[in-house]
Amino acid sequence: MDIHTPESCAKSRLAIRDTLDIVGGKWKLVLIAVLRSGKKGFNELSREAGISPRILSKELHDMETNNLVTRTVFNTKPVTVQYELTAYSESLTEVLSAMEKWGQEHRNKIFSAE
């Protein structure tokens, strides 16, 4: 077991804060989960995630800035844009798996208590 010191706890808090700054909020992990099935157009992504276009645009911009998604613009009429996960986004796989597992266990615990 790790020994907790004030310094190690401060480093841990900083790392957690950094993680939450990048993937925190209501939508980023949902968008990553939707994009795991492949490339999506903007409207398709909005529909599948259940997110408004204005919020989706902001979230995708943030995710692109942090190298989690790529945006490809096709020279069609009208212009077509597709989003897909980057290889770097795969580094979140363990985080997503742990959250999914905990969420399922929590849901079972809460609903079985009713």
N, C-alpha and C. Protein backbone atom coordinates (compact mmCIF):
# COMPACT_ATOMS: atom_id res chain seq x y z
N MET A 1 0.83 -1.18 0.00
CA MET A 1 0.00 0.00 0.00
C MET A 1 0.88 1.24 0.00
N ASP A 2 0.47 2.25 -0.77
CA ASP A 2 1.23 3.49 -0.84
C ASP A 2 1.10 4.27 0.46
N ILE A 3 2.20 4.91 0.83
CA ILE A 3 2.19 5.79 2.00
C ILE A 3 1.76 7.17 1.53
N HIS A 4 0.78 7.72 2.19
CA HIS A 4 0.27 9.03 1.82
C HIS A 4 0.98 10.11 2.62
N THR A 5 1.59 11.01 1.91
CA THR A 5 2.25 12.15 2.53
C THR A 5 1.55 13.41 2.02
N PRO A 6 1.74 14.53 2.67
CA PRO A 6 1.16 15.77 2.15
C PRO A 6 1.59 16.05 0.71
N GLU A 7 2.85 15.75 0.39
CA GLU A 7 3.36 15.98 -0.96
C GLU A 7 2.71 15.05 -1.98
N SER A 8 2.60 13.76 -1.63
CA SER A 8 1.99 12.82 -2.58
C SER A 8 0.51 13.12 -2.77
N CYS A 9 -0.16 13.56 -1.70
CA CYS A 9 -1.57 13.91 -1.82
C CYS A 9 -1.74 15.16 -2.69
N ALA A 10 -0.84 16.13 -2.55
CA ALA A 10 -0.90 17.34 -3.37
C ALA A 10 -0.69 16.99 -4.85
N LYS A 11 0.27 16.11 -5.14
CA LYS A 11 0.51 15.68 -6.52
C LYS A 11 -0.69 14.93 -7.07
N SER A 12 -1.29 14.10 -6.23
CA SER A 12 -2.46 13.34 -6.63
C SER A 12 -3.63 14.27 -6.95
N ARG A 13 -3.87 15.25 -6.09
CA ARG A 13 -4.95 16.22 -6.33
C ARG A 13 -4.72 16.98 -7.64
N LEU A 14 -3.48 17.37 -7.89
CA LEU A 14 -3.15 18.09 -9.12
C LEU A 14 -3.43 17.22 -10.35
N ALA A 15 -3.02 15.95 -10.30
CA ALA A 15 -3.24 15.04 -11.42
C ALA A 15 -4.74 14.81 -11.66
N ILE A 16 -5.49 14.65 -10.57
CA ILE A 16 -6.94 14.46 -10.70
C ILE A 16 -7.59 15.71 -11.27
N ARG A 17 -7.17 16.87 -10.81
CA ARG A 17 -7.70 18.15 -11.31
C ARG A 17 -7.41 18.28 -12.81
N ASP A 18 -6.18 17.94 -13.21
CA ASP A 18 -5.82 17.99 -14.64
C ASP A 18 -6.73 17.08 -15.46
N THR A 19 -6.95 15.88 -14.96
CA THR A 19 -7.82 14.92 -15.66
C THR A 19 -9.23 15.46 -15.78
N LEU A 20 -9.76 15.98 -14.68
CA LEU A 20 -11.12 16.53 -14.72
C LEU A 20 -11.23 17.75 -15.62
N ASP A 21 -10.18 18.54 -15.70
CA ASP A 21 -10.19 19.70 -16.60
C ASP A 21 -10.32 19.26 -18.05
N ILE A 22 -9.75 18.12 -18.39
CA ILE A 22 -9.77 17.64 -19.77
C ILE A 22 -11.03 16.85 -20.09
N VAL A 23 -11.45 15.94 -19.22
CA VAL A 23 -12.59 15.06 -19.54
C VAL A 23 -13.79 15.27 -18.64
N GLY A 24 -13.71 16.25 -17.75
CA GLY A 24 -14.81 16.49 -16.83
C GLY A 24 -16.01 17.10 -17.52
N GLY A 25 -17.03 17.31 -16.76
CA GLY A 25 -18.26 17.86 -17.30
C GLY A 25 -19.21 16.76 -17.72
N LYS A 26 -20.32 17.19 -18.23
CA LYS A 26 -21.40 16.26 -18.54
C LYS A 26 -21.20 15.51 -19.86
N TRP A 27 -20.42 16.06 -20.81
CA TRP A 27 -20.48 15.54 -22.17
C TRP A 27 -19.25 14.85 -22.72
N LYS A 28 -18.06 15.21 -22.30
CA LYS A 28 -16.87 14.71 -22.99
C LYS A 28 -16.75 13.19 -22.98
N LEU A 29 -16.97 12.58 -21.85
CA LEU A 29 -16.87 11.11 -21.80
C LEU A 29 -18.00 10.45 -22.57
N VAL A 30 -19.17 11.09 -22.59
CA VAL A 30 -20.29 10.57 -23.39
C VAL A 30 -19.91 10.62 -24.87
N LEU A 31 -19.32 11.73 -25.29
CA LEU A 31 -18.92 11.86 -26.69
C LEU A 31 -17.84 10.84 -27.06
N ILE A 32 -16.91 10.62 -26.16
CA ILE A 32 -15.89 9.60 -26.42
C ILE A 32 -16.54 8.23 -26.56
N ALA A 33 -17.48 7.92 -25.69
CA ALA A 33 -18.17 6.63 -25.76
C ALA A 33 -18.92 6.49 -27.09
N VAL A 34 -19.57 7.55 -27.55
CA VAL A 34 -20.30 7.50 -28.83
C VAL A 34 -19.32 7.33 -29.99
N LEU A 35 -18.20 8.04 -29.95
CA LEU A 35 -17.24 7.97 -31.04
C LEU A 35 -16.43 6.68 -31.06
N ARG A 36 -16.51 5.88 -30.00
CA ARG A 36 -15.79 4.60 -29.99
C ARG A 36 -16.29 3.66 -31.08
N SER A 37 -17.52 3.87 -31.54
CA SER A 37 -18.07 3.01 -32.59
C SER A 37 -17.66 3.48 -33.99
N GLY A 38 -16.92 4.58 -34.08
CA GLY A 38 -16.44 5.03 -35.38
C GLY A 38 -16.71 6.49 -35.64
N LYS A 39 -16.29 6.93 -36.82
CA LYS A 39 -16.45 8.33 -37.23
C LYS A 39 -17.91 8.72 -37.24
N LYS A 40 -18.16 9.98 -36.89
CA LYS A 40 -19.53 10.50 -36.90
C LYS A 40 -19.53 11.91 -37.45
N GLY A 41 -20.59 12.24 -38.15
CA GLY A 41 -20.82 13.61 -38.57
C GLY A 41 -21.36 14.42 -37.40
N PHE A 42 -21.32 15.73 -37.53
CA PHE A 42 -21.75 16.61 -36.45
C PHE A 42 -23.19 16.35 -36.02
N ASN A 43 -24.12 16.32 -36.98
CA ASN A 43 -25.53 16.12 -36.63
C ASN A 43 -25.79 14.73 -36.05
N GLU A 44 -25.13 13.74 -36.59
CA GLU A 44 -25.27 12.38 -36.09
C GLU A 44 -24.77 12.30 -34.64
N LEU A 45 -23.66 12.94 -34.38
CA LEU A 45 -23.09 12.98 -33.03
C LEU A 45 -24.02 13.71 -32.07
N SER A 46 -24.58 14.80 -32.52
CA SER A 46 -25.53 15.57 -31.70
C SER A 46 -26.74 14.71 -31.33
N ARG A 47 -27.26 14.01 -32.32
CA ARG A 47 -28.44 13.15 -32.11
C ARG A 47 -28.13 11.99 -31.18
N GLU A 48 -27.04 11.28 -31.44
CA GLU A 48 -26.72 10.09 -30.64
C GLU A 48 -26.37 10.43 -29.20
N ALA A 49 -25.70 11.56 -29.00
CA ALA A 49 -25.31 11.94 -27.64
C ALA A 49 -26.43 12.69 -26.92
N GLY A 50 -27.39 13.20 -27.68
CA GLY A 50 -28.48 13.97 -27.07
C GLY A 50 -28.01 15.32 -26.57
N ILE A 51 -27.17 15.98 -27.35
CA ILE A 51 -26.55 17.24 -26.95
C ILE A 51 -26.89 18.32 -27.98
N SER A 52 -27.10 19.53 -27.52
CA SER A 52 -27.44 20.63 -28.43
C SER A 52 -26.24 20.97 -29.32
N PRO A 53 -26.49 21.44 -30.52
CA PRO A 53 -25.39 21.79 -31.42
C PRO A 53 -24.43 22.83 -30.84
N ARG A 54 -24.93 23.79 -30.11
CA ARG A 54 -24.06 24.83 -29.55
C ARG A 54 -23.09 24.24 -28.54
N ILE A 55 -23.60 23.41 -27.63
CA ILE A 55 -22.75 22.78 -26.61
C ILE A 55 -21.81 21.77 -27.28
N LEU A 56 -22.33 21.02 -28.26
CA LEU A 56 -21.50 20.04 -28.96
C LEU A 56 -20.30 20.71 -29.62
N SER A 57 -20.54 21.83 -30.27
CA SER A 57 -19.47 22.56 -30.93
C SER A 57 -18.37 22.94 -29.94
N LYS A 58 -18.75 23.44 -28.78
CA LYS A 58 -17.79 23.84 -27.75
C LYS A 58 -17.02 22.62 -27.24
N GLU A 59 -17.74 21.54 -26.94
CA GLU A 59 -17.11 20.33 -26.41
C GLU A 59 -16.13 19.73 -27.42
N LEU A 60 -16.53 19.67 -28.69
CA LEU A 60 -15.65 19.12 -29.72
C LEU A 60 -14.40 19.99 -29.90
N HIS A 61 -14.57 21.29 -29.83
CA HIS A 61 -13.42 22.19 -29.92
C HIS A 61 -12.43 21.91 -28.78
N ASP A 62 -12.96 21.80 -27.56
CA ASP A 62 -12.10 21.49 -26.41
C ASP A 62 -11.40 20.15 -26.59
N MET A 63 -12.13 19.16 -27.06
CA MET A 63 -11.56 17.82 -27.24
C MET A 63 -10.51 17.81 -28.35
N GLU A 64 -10.73 18.60 -29.39
CA GLU A 64 -9.74 18.70 -30.47
C GLU A 64 -8.48 19.39 -29.95
N THR A 65 -8.64 20.44 -29.15
CA THR A 65 -7.51 21.15 -28.56
C THR A 65 -6.67 20.22 -27.70
N ASN A 66 -7.32 19.27 -27.02
CA ASN A 66 -6.62 18.34 -26.14
C ASN A 66 -6.27 17.02 -26.82
N ASN A 67 -6.33 17.00 -28.15
CA ASN A 67 -5.89 15.86 -28.95
C ASN A 67 -6.69 14.58 -28.68
N LEU A 68 -7.97 14.74 -28.36
CA LEU A 68 -8.82 13.56 -28.15
C LEU A 68 -9.62 13.20 -29.40
N VAL A 69 -9.93 14.20 -30.23
CA VAL A 69 -10.64 13.95 -31.48
C VAL A 69 -9.97 14.71 -32.63
N THR A 70 -10.19 14.20 -33.83
CA THR A 70 -9.77 14.92 -35.03
C THR A 70 -11.02 15.30 -35.81
N ARG A 71 -10.90 16.39 -36.50
CA ARG A 71 -12.00 16.95 -37.30
C ARG A 71 -11.54 16.94 -38.74
N THR A 72 -12.32 16.29 -39.60
CA THR A 72 -11.99 16.24 -41.02
C THR A 72 -13.10 16.92 -41.80
N VAL A 73 -12.72 17.91 -42.62
CA VAL A 73 -13.67 18.65 -43.43
C VAL A 73 -13.58 18.14 -44.86
N PHE A 74 -14.73 17.76 -45.42
CA PHE A 74 -14.79 17.27 -46.80
C PHE A 74 -15.36 18.36 -47.69
N ASN A 75 -14.77 18.52 -48.85
CA ASN A 75 -15.16 19.56 -49.79
C ASN A 75 -16.38 19.12 -50.60
N THR A 76 -17.50 19.02 -49.91
CA THR A 76 -18.76 18.64 -50.55
C THR A 76 -19.71 19.82 -50.46
N LYS A 77 -20.84 19.70 -51.12
CA LYS A 77 -21.86 20.75 -51.02
C LYS A 77 -23.12 20.15 -50.46
N PRO A 78 -23.56 20.50 -49.27
CA PRO A 78 -22.86 21.37 -48.32
C PRO A 78 -21.62 20.67 -47.75
N VAL A 79 -20.76 21.46 -47.11
CA VAL A 79 -19.53 20.93 -46.52
C VAL A 79 -19.88 19.87 -45.49
N THR A 80 -19.15 18.77 -45.51
CA THR A 80 -19.35 17.68 -44.56
C THR A 80 -18.18 17.65 -43.59
N VAL A 81 -18.47 17.49 -42.32
CA VAL A 81 -17.43 17.41 -41.30
C VAL A 81 -17.62 16.11 -40.53
N GLN A 82 -16.52 15.39 -40.33
CA GLN A 82 -16.57 14.16 -39.54
C GLN A 82 -15.59 14.26 -38.39
N TYR A 83 -15.96 13.62 -37.29
CA TYR A 83 -15.12 13.59 -36.09
C TYR A 83 -14.80 12.14 -35.78
N GLU A 84 -13.56 11.94 -35.31
CA GLU A 84 -13.17 10.60 -34.87
C GLU A 84 -12.17 10.72 -33.74
N LEU A 85 -12.09 9.66 -32.96
CA LEU A 85 -11.15 9.63 -31.84
C LEU A 85 -9.72 9.52 -32.35
N THR A 86 -8.81 10.12 -31.62
CA THR A 86 -7.39 9.99 -31.93
C THR A 86 -6.84 8.75 -31.24
N ALA A 87 -5.64 8.36 -31.63
CA ALA A 87 -4.97 7.25 -30.94
C ALA A 87 -4.74 7.63 -29.47
N TYR A 88 -4.46 8.90 -29.22
CA TYR A 88 -4.22 9.36 -27.85
C TYR A 88 -5.44 9.14 -26.95
N SER A 89 -6.63 9.23 -27.51
CA SER A 89 -7.85 9.04 -26.71
C SER A 89 -7.92 7.64 -26.12
N GLU A 90 -7.22 6.69 -26.74
CA GLU A 90 -7.18 5.32 -26.21
C GLU A 90 -6.59 5.26 -24.81
N SER A 91 -5.80 6.28 -24.45
CA SER A 91 -5.21 6.31 -23.10
C SER A 91 -6.29 6.46 -22.02
N LEU A 92 -7.51 6.76 -22.42
CA LEU A 92 -8.62 6.88 -21.46
C LEU A 92 -9.41 5.58 -21.30
N THR A 93 -9.01 4.53 -22.00
CA THR A 93 -9.75 3.27 -21.97
C THR A 93 -9.91 2.73 -20.55
N GLU A 94 -8.84 2.69 -19.79
CA GLU A 94 -8.93 2.18 -18.41
C GLU A 94 -9.85 3.04 -17.55
N VAL A 95 -9.77 4.34 -17.74
CA VAL A 95 -10.62 5.27 -16.98
C VAL A 95 -12.09 4.99 -17.30
N LEU A 96 -12.40 4.89 -18.59
CA LEU A 96 -13.78 4.63 -19.00
C LEU A 96 -14.27 3.28 -18.51
N SER A 97 -13.43 2.26 -18.59
CA SER A 97 -13.82 0.92 -18.13
C SER A 97 -14.10 0.93 -16.63
N ALA A 98 -13.23 1.59 -15.87
CA ALA A 98 -13.43 1.66 -14.42
C ALA A 98 -14.70 2.42 -14.09
N MET A 99 -14.96 3.51 -14.80
CA MET A 99 -16.19 4.28 -14.55
C MET A 99 -17.43 3.49 -14.91
N GLU A 100 -17.37 2.76 -16.02
CA GLU A 100 -18.50 1.93 -16.44
C GLU A 100 -18.78 0.85 -15.39
N LYS A 101 -17.73 0.18 -14.94
CA LYS A 101 -17.88 -0.87 -13.94
C LYS A 101 -18.48 -0.31 -12.65
N TRP A 102 -17.92 0.80 -12.18
CA TRP A 102 -18.42 1.40 -10.94
C TRP A 102 -19.87 1.84 -11.12
N GLY A 103 -20.18 2.44 -12.26
CA GLY A 103 -21.55 2.90 -12.52
C GLY A 103 -22.55 1.77 -12.52
N GLN A 104 -22.18 0.63 -13.12
CA GLN A 104 -23.08 -0.52 -13.14
C GLN A 104 -23.28 -1.07 -11.73
N GLU A 105 -22.18 -1.17 -10.96
CA GLU A 105 -22.29 -1.66 -9.59
C GLU A 105 -23.12 -0.71 -8.72
N HIS A 106 -22.91 0.56 -8.90
CA HIS A 106 -23.66 1.56 -8.14
C HIS A 106 -25.15 1.50 -8.48
N ARG A 107 -25.44 1.42 -9.78
CA ARG A 107 -26.84 1.33 -10.22
C ARG A 107 -27.52 0.10 -9.63
N ASN A 108 -26.81 -1.04 -9.66
CA ASN A 108 -27.37 -2.27 -9.08
C ASN A 108 -27.60 -2.11 -7.59
N LYS A 109 -26.66 -1.51 -6.89
CA LYS A 109 -26.79 -1.32 -5.44
C LYS A 109 -27.98 -0.41 -5.12
N ILE A 110 -28.09 0.70 -5.83
CA ILE A 110 -29.16 1.66 -5.55
C ILE A 110 -30.53 1.06 -5.89
N PHE A 111 -30.64 0.42 -7.05
CA PHE A 111 -31.94 -0.11 -7.47
C PHE A 111 -32.32 -1.36 -6.68
N SER A 112 -31.35 -2.11 -6.21
CA SER A 112 -31.69 -3.30 -5.42
C SER A 112 -32.10 -2.91 -4.00
N ALA A 113 -31.71 -1.71 -3.55
CA ALA A 113 -32.08 -1.24 -2.23
C ALA A 113 -33.50 -0.70 -2.17
N GLU A 114 -34.09 -0.43 -3.33
CA GLU A 114 -35.45 0.14 -3.37
C GLU A 114 -36.52 -0.86 -3.08
